[in-house]
Amino acid sequence: MNHRSLAFRLAAGYALLLSVTFALVGFATYLGVERYLRANLHDSLSRRTEQAEQILRSTSVTPPADYLPAAIETQIAPEFNNRFLRITRWPDIVLYRSGWPADHSFDPTTVAPPVAWTSNFRTRRVELPSGVPMLVGSVKVDSGGGVYLIELGGSLEPVEVLRDRLLLVLGLLLPVLVVLAAGGGYLLVGRALRPVDVMSKTAEHISIQDLNERLPVPQTGDALQRLSESMNHMLGRLRDSVQASQRFLADASHELRTPLTIVKCELEEIVSSPQSTPVVADRVGSVLEEVEQLKHLVEGLLVLSRLDTGEAQREMVCFDLAELVTTTAEQMRLVAEDGGIALVFSDLQSAPVQGDRARLKQVVVNLLDNALKYTPRGGTVTLKTLRSGRRAVLQVRDTGIGIPNSALAHIFERFYRVDNARSRDSGGVGLGLSIVKAICSAHGAEIEVDSTPGVGSCFRIRFPAVAPTAVAPLNIEVAPASTAGHVDARTSLEA
């Protein structure tokens, strides 16, 4: 569980709020029940005291000893109602005192008299020697020329037992309610944020090749709906902007190819002309190199523009990756031999893939060409195909100069070059790996690289699994054994 997530924080806040609410409600219930029971006992004592006062006033000044007890037992019945009743005549003549209550909860003889007699009905808490708490109300009565004190009380033990039980129930129930509130809050928050998760997953699948897809819009009428609509409007504007830039890039690249081809032909004709002097030929040769560099740049931009518009999967077929790698490596063998580099591709396992063969061959060509450029004479470039489960894997390993760790995160960016001077000298324009990455993304493949400066690099491509079907044969012609043939095989696919 992510403690920093929005769902967890909302659920925690919800649980905390409910916990405080439950605690306040429980505390208020506790106090309310206790006060209610005390007030109920107080009112009962007050009414019974008034009744005892009426009995006392209805008698003579010196009531017979048998009349008062009989009237009290008949009308009030303190023992039966678990009450304490005592009537005292000033100064300390006890006219009546109730016996043990029916529940034997207290001893009436141990109830201490009040410190002072008052004419107003007052209650006091009395702790008996047995530990039983009592609430005793008393009032002074002037009747028949005498002064009497009426005391009526009841045990507080039932009130306090009920209060303690309520406190125990609240103490046990509160954690359960808090846990239920936290769990329910987390589920409710997760359910409320589910549209956000759907929007997030949909947004992850939106790529530059498919900007027509839109986020789902929940009809909630709140900020979430407005956010979805705003994001969709932004995607629409982004799609228009990307399409405009793609059209410009494609049109510009396409229009530049013809004048560059004409310039190259004219310059080559000048160089091959008998009237060309060595100085002119040398300068024209330098211009031809720049034209060739520019041509590579235009071709790369044209390829990227086609990849951006979804033209990387024109012919999706199932074929053997090992056969494609073998054919491509054979075409580029002389390039490796000219550079004094050992090209090893004997350890190839059958690995079926599904995709556009021309584009995937371009991936192999670009990775192999990149490895040959930056591997010094005497080094080795190894190609390997294998199967990992149902997935095909292509691996290109070299013993070249390697890539610094700071550059590994940027090598697939367009026009990024680890060493500008070195890349320019080797003919690179910083688009080869970008094209590889774009083709892999269009085919759902994952590309990763491991590199150690001074030791070498390893590019590894994992293709998605394909259903076990018949692999279509490859009809790729092997280029003639000449350097020009290898260069044509490498560069013709860039268009």
Protein backbone atom coordinates (compact mmCIF):
# COMPACT_ATOMS: atom_id res chain seq x y z
CA MET A 1 0.00 0.00 0.00
CA ASN A 2 1.38 3.36 -1.03
CA HIS A 3 1.19 5.65 1.99
CA ARG A 4 1.82 8.71 -0.18
CA SER A 5 -0.97 8.01 -2.65
CA LEU A 6 -4.01 10.24 -2.91
CA ALA A 7 -6.35 7.31 -2.17
CA PHE A 8 -4.50 6.47 1.05
CA ARG A 9 -4.42 10.08 2.22
CA LEU A 10 -8.11 10.58 1.50
CA ALA A 11 -8.98 7.31 3.23
CA ALA A 12 -6.78 8.21 6.21
CA GLY A 13 -8.38 11.64 6.46
CA TYR A 14 -11.83 10.09 6.15
CA ALA A 15 -11.01 7.53 8.86
CA LEU A 16 -9.54 10.21 11.13
CA LEU A 17 -12.60 12.40 10.71
CA LEU A 18 -14.96 9.52 11.46
CA SER A 19 -12.79 8.44 14.39
CA VAL A 20 -13.00 11.89 15.94
CA THR A 21 -16.74 11.96 15.22
CA PHE A 22 -17.27 8.53 16.78
CA ALA A 23 -15.17 9.51 19.80
CA LEU A 24 -17.14 12.71 20.33
CA VAL A 25 -20.46 10.94 19.84
CA GLY A 26 -19.39 8.16 22.21
CA PHE A 27 -18.20 10.63 24.82
CA ALA A 28 -21.40 12.63 24.51
CA THR A 29 -23.45 9.43 24.76
CA TYR A 30 -21.48 8.40 27.83
CA LEU A 31 -22.04 11.72 29.56
CA GLY A 32 -25.64 11.91 28.42
CA VAL A 33 -26.54 8.45 29.70
CA GLU A 34 -24.81 9.08 33.03
CA ARG A 35 -26.53 12.43 33.50
CA TYR A 36 -29.86 10.98 32.45
CA LEU A 37 -29.62 8.16 34.97
CA ARG A 38 -28.51 10.54 37.71
CA ALA A 39 -31.26 12.99 36.84
CA ASN A 40 -33.81 10.19 36.77
CA LEU A 41 -32.69 9.03 40.20
CA HIS A 42 -32.71 12.62 41.44
CA ASP A 43 -36.28 13.18 40.22
CA SER A 44 -37.40 9.90 41.74
CA LEU A 45 -35.90 10.87 45.10
CA SER A 46 -37.44 14.32 44.89
CA ARG A 47 -40.93 12.94 44.23
CA ARG A 48 -40.66 10.35 46.97
CA THR A 49 -39.41 13.00 49.38
CA GLU A 50 -42.43 15.18 48.66
CA GLN A 51 -44.64 12.15 49.23
CA ALA A 52 -42.93 11.49 52.57
CA GLU A 53 -43.37 15.16 53.47
CA GLN A 54 -47.10 14.93 52.77
CA ILE A 55 -47.36 11.86 54.98
CA LEU A 56 -45.46 13.65 57.70
CA ARG A 57 -47.66 16.77 57.51
CA SER A 58 -50.84 14.70 57.56
CA THR A 59 -50.02 13.31 61.00
CA SER A 60 -50.23 15.10 64.32
CA VAL A 61 -47.32 16.83 65.97
CA THR A 62 -46.43 13.66 67.81
CA PRO A 63 -47.51 10.95 65.43
CA PRO A 64 -48.07 7.54 66.82
CA ALA A 65 -45.14 5.24 66.40
CA ASP A 66 -47.16 2.72 64.48
CA TYR A 67 -48.95 5.13 62.11
CA LEU A 68 -45.97 6.74 60.38
CA PRO A 69 -44.19 3.50 59.53
CA ALA A 70 -47.41 1.96 58.29
CA ALA A 71 -48.20 4.93 56.05
CA ILE A 72 -44.67 4.98 54.63
CA GLU A 73 -44.61 1.23 53.98
CA THR A 74 -47.99 1.47 52.27
CA GLN A 75 -47.40 4.54 50.11
CA ILE A 76 -43.63 4.61 49.54
CA ALA A 77 -42.39 1.06 50.29
CA PRO A 78 -38.68 2.00 50.42
CA GLU A 79 -37.42 -1.56 51.00
CA PHE A 80 -39.36 -2.94 48.06
CA ASN A 81 -38.14 -0.09 45.77
CA ASN A 82 -34.54 -0.45 46.98
CA ARG A 83 -34.60 2.99 48.58
CA PHE A 84 -33.30 4.37 51.85
CA LEU A 85 -35.65 6.51 53.93
CA ARG A 86 -35.01 8.13 57.27
CA ILE A 87 -37.08 10.71 59.18
CA THR A 88 -35.38 12.50 62.07
CA ARG A 89 -36.87 14.97 64.52
CA TRP A 90 -34.69 17.75 65.76
CA PRO A 91 -32.16 17.35 67.17
CA ASP A 92 -31.46 13.62 66.59
CA ILE A 93 -34.56 11.61 67.30
CA VAL A 94 -35.02 9.06 64.54
CA LEU A 95 -38.73 8.55 63.99
CA TYR A 96 -38.34 6.19 61.05
CA ARG A 97 -35.58 4.37 59.18
CA SER A 98 -36.10 1.89 56.42
CA GLY A 99 -34.68 -1.60 56.60
CA TRP A 100 -32.49 -3.51 54.20
CA PRO A 101 -33.53 -3.06 50.57
CA ALA A 102 -34.87 -6.01 48.60
CA ASP A 103 -31.63 -6.40 46.63
CA HIS A 104 -29.47 -6.05 49.80
CA SER A 105 -27.29 -3.54 47.96
CA PHE A 106 -26.53 -1.41 51.06
CA ASP A 107 -26.85 -1.28 54.82
CA PRO A 108 -29.21 1.61 55.81
CA THR A 109 -27.71 1.89 59.27
CA THR A 110 -24.35 3.03 57.82
CA VAL A 111 -25.72 6.07 56.01
CA ALA A 112 -24.24 9.12 57.72
CA PRO A 113 -26.52 12.12 58.46
CA PRO A 114 -25.99 15.43 56.67
CA VAL A 115 -23.78 18.11 58.12
CA ALA A 116 -26.53 20.75 58.00
CA TRP A 117 -30.30 20.78 57.61
CA THR A 118 -31.63 22.90 54.75
CA SER A 119 -35.16 23.77 53.74
CA ASN A 120 -34.39 23.19 50.05
CA PHE A 121 -34.15 19.72 48.66
CA ARG A 122 -30.52 18.85 48.12
CA THR A 123 -28.70 15.70 47.13
CA ARG A 124 -25.30 14.48 48.20
CA ARG A 125 -23.11 11.54 47.34
CA VAL A 126 -22.42 9.21 50.21
CA GLU A 127 -19.77 6.53 50.21
CA LEU A 128 -20.78 3.69 52.54
CA PRO A 129 -18.13 1.72 54.44
CA SER A 130 -18.96 -1.23 52.18
CA GLY A 131 -17.89 0.87 49.19
CA VAL A 132 -21.37 1.28 47.78
CA PRO A 133 -22.00 4.82 46.52
CA MET A 134 -25.37 6.35 47.26
CA LEU A 135 -27.22 9.48 46.22
CA VAL A 136 -29.13 10.82 49.23
CA GLY A 137 -31.56 13.73 49.09
CA SER A 138 -32.66 15.60 52.22
CA VAL A 139 -35.04 18.40 53.13
CA LYS A 140 -35.97 20.13 56.39
CA VAL A 141 -39.72 20.22 57.18
CA ASP A 142 -41.50 22.35 59.79
CA SER A 143 -44.67 20.52 60.77
CA GLY A 144 -46.88 20.50 63.85
CA GLY A 145 -44.54 22.68 65.83
CA GLY A 146 -41.60 20.40 65.19
CA VAL A 147 -38.65 20.34 62.84
CA TYR A 148 -38.02 17.18 60.86
CA LEU A 149 -35.40 16.04 58.40
CA ILE A 150 -36.50 13.69 55.63
CA GLU A 151 -33.69 11.72 53.95
CA LEU A 152 -34.37 9.58 50.91
CA GLY A 153 -31.63 7.86 48.93
CA GLY A 154 -30.83 5.20 46.41
CA SER A 155 -27.77 3.25 45.40
CA LEU A 156 -25.64 4.71 42.59
CA GLU A 157 -24.13 1.32 41.86
CA PRO A 158 -26.63 0.39 39.08
CA VAL A 159 -25.99 3.78 37.45
CA GLU A 160 -22.23 3.38 37.60
CA VAL A 161 -22.35 -0.26 36.46
CA LEU A 162 -24.45 0.71 33.46
CA ARG A 163 -22.11 3.63 32.79
CA ASP A 164 -19.04 1.39 32.96
CA ARG A 165 -20.64 -1.15 30.65
CA LEU A 166 -21.47 1.59 28.19
CA LEU A 167 -17.87 2.80 28.38
CA LEU A 168 -16.62 -0.75 27.74
CA VAL A 169 -18.95 -1.18 24.77
CA LEU A 170 -17.87 2.15 23.34
CA GLY A 171 -14.21 1.28 23.92
CA LEU A 172 -14.60 -2.02 22.08
CA LEU A 173 -16.88 -0.69 19.38
CA LEU A 174 -14.89 2.43 18.55
CA PRO A 175 -11.79 0.61 17.14
CA VAL A 176 -14.05 -1.68 15.11
CA LEU A 177 -15.90 1.32 13.72
CA VAL A 178 -12.60 3.05 12.96
CA VAL A 179 -11.28 -0.01 11.09
CA LEU A 180 -14.54 -0.37 9.17
CA ALA A 181 -14.53 3.34 8.41
CA ALA A 182 -10.92 3.19 7.19
CA GLY A 183 -11.56 0.12 5.02
CA GLY A 184 -14.84 1.46 3.71
CA GLY A 185 -13.29 4.85 3.10
CA TYR A 186 -10.42 3.29 1.17
CA LEU A 187 -12.84 1.29 -0.97
CA LEU A 188 -15.05 4.31 -1.56
CA VAL A 189 -12.09 6.51 -2.43
CA GLY A 190 -10.72 3.83 -4.74
CA ARG A 191 -14.08 3.54 -6.43
CA ALA A 192 -14.34 7.32 -6.71
CA LEU A 193 -10.84 7.51 -8.22
CA ARG A 194 -11.44 4.60 -10.60
CA PRO A 195 -12.26 6.97 -13.48
CA VAL A 196 -8.87 8.60 -12.88
CA ASP A 197 -7.16 5.19 -13.18
CA VAL A 198 -9.05 4.52 -16.41
CA MET A 199 -7.98 7.92 -17.73
CA SER A 200 -4.37 7.21 -16.72
CA LYS A 201 -4.30 3.80 -18.42
CA THR A 202 -5.87 5.25 -21.55
CA ALA A 203 -3.37 8.11 -21.58
CA GLU A 204 -0.47 5.62 -21.34
CA HIS A 205 -1.62 3.96 -24.58
CA ILE A 206 -1.89 7.23 -26.47
CA SER A 207 1.17 7.67 -28.65
CA ILE A 208 2.25 10.03 -31.37
CA GLN A 209 1.08 7.45 -33.91
CA ASP A 210 -2.47 7.46 -32.51
CA LEU A 211 -3.42 10.90 -31.29
CA ASN A 212 -7.04 10.36 -32.33
CA GLU A 213 -7.75 8.34 -29.20
CA ARG A 214 -9.48 10.21 -26.40
CA LEU A 215 -9.79 9.88 -22.66
CA PRO A 216 -13.11 8.61 -21.28
CA VAL A 217 -15.30 11.40 -19.93
CA PRO A 218 -17.21 10.42 -16.75
CA GLN A 219 -20.59 12.14 -16.65
CA THR A 220 -20.19 13.40 -13.10
CA GLY A 221 -20.69 17.10 -13.71
CA ASP A 222 -17.74 17.98 -11.48
CA ALA A 223 -14.05 18.81 -11.80
CA LEU A 224 -13.26 15.27 -12.96
CA GLN A 225 -15.47 15.64 -16.01
CA ARG A 226 -14.06 19.08 -16.75
CA LEU A 227 -10.52 17.68 -16.46
CA SER A 228 -11.28 14.89 -18.94
CA GLU A 229 -12.83 17.30 -21.41
CA SER A 230 -9.89 19.71 -21.08
CA MET A 231 -7.39 16.86 -21.63
CA ASN A 232 -9.28 15.74 -24.73
CA HIS A 233 -9.28 19.28 -26.10
CA MET A 234 -5.54 19.45 -25.44
CA LEU A 235 -5.03 16.12 -27.25
CA GLY A 236 -6.95 17.52 -30.21
CA ARG A 237 -4.72 20.57 -30.36
CA LEU A 238 -1.64 18.39 -29.94
CA ARG A 239 -2.80 16.12 -32.77
CA ASP A 240 -3.27 19.08 -35.09
CA SER A 241 0.15 20.46 -34.19
CA VAL A 242 1.91 17.10 -34.61
CA GLN A 243 0.18 16.42 -37.91
CA ALA A 244 1.19 19.85 -39.19
CA SER A 245 4.83 19.28 -38.19
CA GLN A 246 4.79 15.78 -39.67
CA ARG A 247 3.42 17.06 -42.96
CA PHE A 248 6.07 19.76 -43.04
CA LEU A 249 8.84 17.28 -42.24
CA ALA A 250 7.65 14.76 -44.80
CA ASP A 251 7.12 17.37 -47.51
CA ALA A 252 10.43 19.09 -46.83
CA SER A 253 12.35 15.79 -46.78
CA HIS A 254 10.68 14.61 -49.95
CA GLU A 255 11.27 17.88 -51.77
CA LEU A 256 14.94 17.96 -50.75
CA ARG A 257 15.72 14.52 -52.15
CA THR A 258 15.45 15.53 -55.82
CA PRO A 259 17.71 18.64 -55.69
CA LEU A 260 20.25 16.74 -53.56
CA THR A 261 20.32 13.91 -56.09
CA ILE A 262 20.79 16.38 -58.94
CA VAL A 263 23.58 18.22 -57.07
CA LYS A 264 25.31 14.93 -56.31
CA CYS A 265 25.13 13.81 -59.97
CA GLU A 266 26.43 17.16 -61.21
CA LEU A 267 29.32 17.10 -58.78
CA GLU A 268 30.22 13.54 -59.67
CA GLU A 269 30.16 14.50 -63.33
CA ILE A 270 32.50 17.41 -62.61
CA VAL A 271 34.91 15.14 -60.78
CA SER A 272 34.91 12.57 -63.58
CA SER A 273 35.34 15.24 -66.27
CA PRO A 274 38.76 15.26 -68.07
CA GLN A 275 38.94 19.04 -67.64
CA SER A 276 38.79 18.73 -63.84
CA THR A 277 42.03 19.71 -62.13
CA PRO A 278 43.25 17.97 -58.98
CA VAL A 279 42.44 21.07 -56.89
CA VAL A 280 38.90 21.25 -58.25
CA ALA A 281 38.45 17.50 -57.81
CA ASP A 282 39.59 17.73 -54.20
CA ARG A 283 37.21 20.57 -53.39
CA VAL A 284 34.33 18.95 -55.24
CA GLY A 285 35.07 15.74 -53.32
CA SER A 286 34.71 17.64 -50.04
CA VAL A 287 31.40 19.07 -51.22
CA LEU A 288 30.26 15.59 -52.22
CA GLU A 289 30.94 14.35 -48.70
CA GLU A 290 28.77 17.13 -47.30
CA VAL A 291 26.05 16.38 -49.84
CA GLU A 292 26.18 12.71 -48.88
CA GLN A 293 25.91 13.71 -45.22
CA LEU A 294 22.95 15.92 -46.02
CA LYS A 295 21.38 13.14 -48.05
CA HIS A 296 21.66 10.76 -45.10
CA LEU A 297 20.03 13.41 -42.92
CA VAL A 298 17.14 13.91 -45.32
CA GLU A 299 16.65 10.18 -45.74
CA GLY A 300 16.60 9.72 -41.98
CA LEU A 301 14.09 12.53 -41.50
CA LEU A 302 11.89 11.04 -44.20
CA VAL A 303 12.00 7.64 -42.50
CA LEU A 304 11.09 9.17 -39.14
CA SER A 305 8.23 11.11 -40.67
CA ARG A 306 6.87 7.89 -42.17
CA LEU A 307 7.26 6.10 -38.85
CA ASP A 308 5.46 8.90 -37.05
CA THR A 309 2.51 8.58 -39.42
CA GLY A 310 2.23 4.83 -38.76
CA GLU A 311 3.87 3.52 -41.93
CA ALA A 312 6.18 1.17 -40.01
CA GLN A 313 3.85 -1.81 -40.38
CA ARG A 314 2.92 -1.84 -44.01
CA GLU A 315 3.33 -5.61 -44.37
CA MET A 316 2.84 -7.55 -41.15
CA VAL A 317 3.99 -11.14 -41.72
CA CYS A 318 5.42 -13.89 -39.57
CA PHE A 319 9.00 -14.86 -40.37
CA ASP A 320 12.20 -16.18 -38.80
CA LEU A 321 14.33 -13.44 -37.26
CA ALA A 322 17.45 -15.64 -37.45
CA GLU A 323 17.13 -15.91 -41.22
CA LEU A 324 16.77 -12.15 -41.56
CA VAL A 325 19.84 -11.53 -39.36
CA THR A 326 21.87 -14.06 -41.33
CA THR A 327 21.04 -12.44 -44.67
CA THR A 328 21.76 -8.93 -43.38
CA ALA A 329 25.06 -9.94 -41.77
CA GLU A 330 26.18 -11.62 -44.99
CA GLN A 331 25.50 -8.39 -46.89
CA MET A 332 27.61 -6.37 -44.47
CA ARG A 333 30.43 -8.87 -43.99
CA LEU A 334 32.86 -7.02 -46.30
CA VAL A 335 32.24 -3.75 -44.45
CA ALA A 336 33.42 -5.48 -41.27
CA GLU A 337 36.39 -7.03 -43.06
CA ASP A 338 37.42 -3.66 -44.47
CA GLY A 339 37.47 -2.30 -40.93
CA GLY A 340 39.40 -5.28 -39.58
CA ILE A 341 36.48 -6.34 -37.38
CA ALA A 342 35.35 -9.91 -36.81
CA LEU A 343 31.64 -10.30 -37.51
CA VAL A 344 30.23 -13.35 -35.66
CA PHE A 345 26.68 -14.52 -36.33
CA SER A 346 26.90 -18.30 -36.16
CA ASP A 347 25.06 -18.71 -32.84
CA LEU A 348 21.57 -17.95 -34.14
CA GLN A 349 18.49 -19.76 -32.89
CA SER A 350 15.21 -19.86 -34.76
CA ALA A 351 13.08 -16.98 -33.41
CA PRO A 352 9.74 -16.25 -35.11
CA VAL A 353 8.57 -12.64 -35.11
CA GLN A 354 5.67 -10.80 -36.70
CA GLY A 355 6.18 -7.46 -38.37
CA ASP A 356 7.33 -5.57 -41.45
CA ARG A 357 10.43 -7.36 -42.73
CA ALA A 358 11.85 -4.30 -44.46
CA ARG A 359 11.59 -2.18 -41.34
CA LEU A 360 12.98 -4.87 -39.05
CA LYS A 361 15.87 -5.38 -41.45
CA GLN A 362 16.51 -1.67 -41.13
CA VAL A 363 16.76 -2.21 -37.36
CA VAL A 364 19.40 -4.90 -37.84
CA VAL A 365 21.29 -2.76 -40.38
CA ASN A 366 21.33 0.32 -38.16
CA LEU A 367 22.44 -1.57 -35.05
CA LEU A 368 25.10 -3.46 -36.96
CA ASP A 369 26.32 -0.34 -38.75
CA ASN A 370 26.47 1.52 -35.44
CA ALA A 371 28.48 -1.30 -33.86
CA LEU A 372 30.93 -1.43 -36.78
CA LYS A 373 31.46 2.35 -36.70
CA TYR A 374 32.54 2.46 -33.06
CA THR A 375 34.45 -0.80 -32.80
CA PRO A 376 38.20 -0.37 -33.42
CA ARG A 377 40.21 -2.59 -35.73
CA GLY A 378 40.74 -6.02 -34.22
CA GLY A 379 37.43 -5.92 -32.35
CA THR A 380 34.44 -8.21 -32.57
CA VAL A 381 30.75 -7.67 -33.29
CA THR A 382 28.48 -10.57 -32.36
CA LEU A 383 24.89 -11.04 -33.43
CA LYS A 384 22.67 -13.51 -31.64
CA THR A 385 19.00 -14.50 -31.87
CA LEU A 386 17.29 -16.63 -29.26
CA ARG A 387 13.94 -17.40 -27.75
CA SER A 388 12.98 -16.40 -24.22
CA GLY A 389 9.77 -18.26 -23.57
CA ARG A 390 7.57 -17.35 -26.54
CA ARG A 391 9.40 -14.08 -27.16
CA ALA A 392 12.12 -13.59 -29.76
CA VAL A 393 15.28 -11.75 -28.73
CA LEU A 394 17.87 -10.02 -30.94
CA GLN A 395 21.23 -9.17 -29.41
CA VAL A 396 24.01 -7.10 -30.99
CA ARG A 397 27.20 -7.00 -28.92
CA ASP A 398 30.44 -5.23 -29.75
CA THR A 399 33.84 -4.67 -28.18
CA GLY A 400 33.91 -1.00 -29.10
CA ILE A 401 34.54 2.19 -27.23
CA GLY A 402 31.29 1.95 -25.23
CA ILE A 403 28.82 4.61 -24.17
CA PRO A 404 29.18 6.78 -21.03
CA ASN A 405 26.55 6.21 -18.34
CA SER A 406 25.42 9.84 -18.59
CA ALA A 407 24.53 9.32 -22.27
CA LEU A 408 22.62 6.03 -21.99
CA ALA A 409 19.33 7.80 -21.22
CA HIS A 410 19.62 10.00 -24.34
CA ILE A 411 21.02 7.79 -27.08
CA PHE A 412 17.57 7.12 -28.58
CA GLU A 413 16.76 10.82 -28.84
CA ARG A 414 16.75 12.40 -32.27
CA PHE A 415 19.96 14.21 -33.29
CA TYR A 416 21.66 13.20 -30.04
CA ARG A 417 25.30 12.26 -30.44
CA VAL A 418 27.63 11.29 -27.61
CA ASP A 419 30.58 12.96 -29.34
CA ASN A 420 29.60 15.40 -32.07
CA ALA A 421 33.01 15.52 -33.71
CA ARG A 422 33.45 11.75 -33.67
CA SER A 423 29.91 11.13 -34.98
CA ARG A 424 30.39 13.56 -37.79
CA ASP A 425 33.68 12.01 -38.81
CA SER A 426 32.03 8.60 -38.95
CA GLY A 427 29.12 9.86 -41.01
CA GLY A 428 26.44 9.79 -38.30
CA VAL A 429 23.70 12.37 -38.04
CA GLY A 430 22.16 11.20 -34.75
CA LEU A 431 19.06 9.55 -36.24
CA GLY A 432 20.01 5.87 -36.53
CA LEU A 433 19.08 4.80 -33.00
CA SER A 434 16.02 7.06 -33.09
CA ILE A 435 14.81 5.16 -36.14
CA VAL A 436 15.52 1.85 -34.39
CA LYS A 437 13.56 2.95 -31.33
CA ALA A 438 10.62 4.15 -33.46
CA ILE A 439 10.44 0.88 -35.41
CA CYS A 440 10.64 -1.18 -32.20
CA SER A 441 7.88 0.87 -30.59
CA ALA A 442 5.69 0.43 -33.66
CA HIS A 443 6.16 -3.34 -33.41
CA GLY A 444 5.58 -3.48 -29.65
CA ALA A 445 9.19 -4.50 -29.02
CA GLU A 446 11.36 -3.44 -26.09
CA ILE A 447 14.93 -2.27 -26.63
CA GLU A 448 17.55 -1.97 -23.93
CA VAL A 449 21.27 -1.29 -23.89
CA ASP A 450 24.13 -2.20 -21.58
CA SER A 451 27.43 -0.47 -22.08
CA THR A 452 30.76 -0.04 -20.35
CA PRO A 453 33.17 2.61 -21.64
CA GLY A 454 36.28 0.99 -23.07
CA VAL A 455 34.72 -2.51 -22.99
CA GLY A 456 31.80 -2.40 -25.40
CA SER A 457 28.02 -2.19 -25.75
CA CYS A 458 25.17 -4.66 -26.04
CA PHE A 459 21.83 -3.76 -27.62
CA ARG A 460 19.03 -6.20 -26.86
CA ILE A 461 15.55 -6.19 -28.47
CA ARG A 462 12.70 -8.29 -27.09
CA PHE A 463 9.88 -8.85 -29.55
CA PRO A 464 6.34 -9.70 -28.46
CA ALA A 465 5.27 -13.32 -28.55
CA VAL A 466 3.63 -14.63 -31.71
CA ALA A 467 1.26 -17.53 -32.15
CA PRO A 468 2.96 -20.74 -33.33
CA THR A 469 2.30 -20.49 -37.05
CA ALA A 470 4.24 -21.28 -40.18
CA VAL A 471 7.09 -18.85 -40.72
CA ALA A 472 6.99 -17.14 -44.09
CA PRO A 473 10.18 -17.61 -46.15
CA LEU A 474 12.42 -14.63 -46.77
CA ASN A 475 13.06 -13.52 -50.34
CA ILE A 476 15.99 -11.25 -49.66
CA GLU A 477 18.75 -11.23 -52.23
CA VAL A 478 22.28 -11.27 -50.97
CA ALA A 479 24.25 -8.31 -52.24
CA PRO A 480 27.29 -9.00 -54.43
CA ALA A 481 30.61 -9.31 -52.68
CA SER A 482 31.72 -5.73 -53.03
CA THR A 483 31.86 -2.79 -50.69
CA ALA A 484 29.49 -0.80 -52.87
CA GLY A 485 26.93 -3.55 -52.65
CA HIS A 486 27.10 -3.51 -48.87
CA VAL A 487 26.70 0.23 -48.70
CA ASP A 488 23.67 0.08 -51.00
CA ALA A 489 22.13 -2.66 -48.88
CA ARG A 490 22.56 -0.51 -45.80
CA THR A 491 21.39 2.80 -47.18
CA SER A 492 18.58 1.74 -49.50
CA LEU A 493 16.40 0.76 -46.56
CA GLU A 494 16.58 4.23 -45.05
CA ALA A 495 14.07 5.45 -47.64
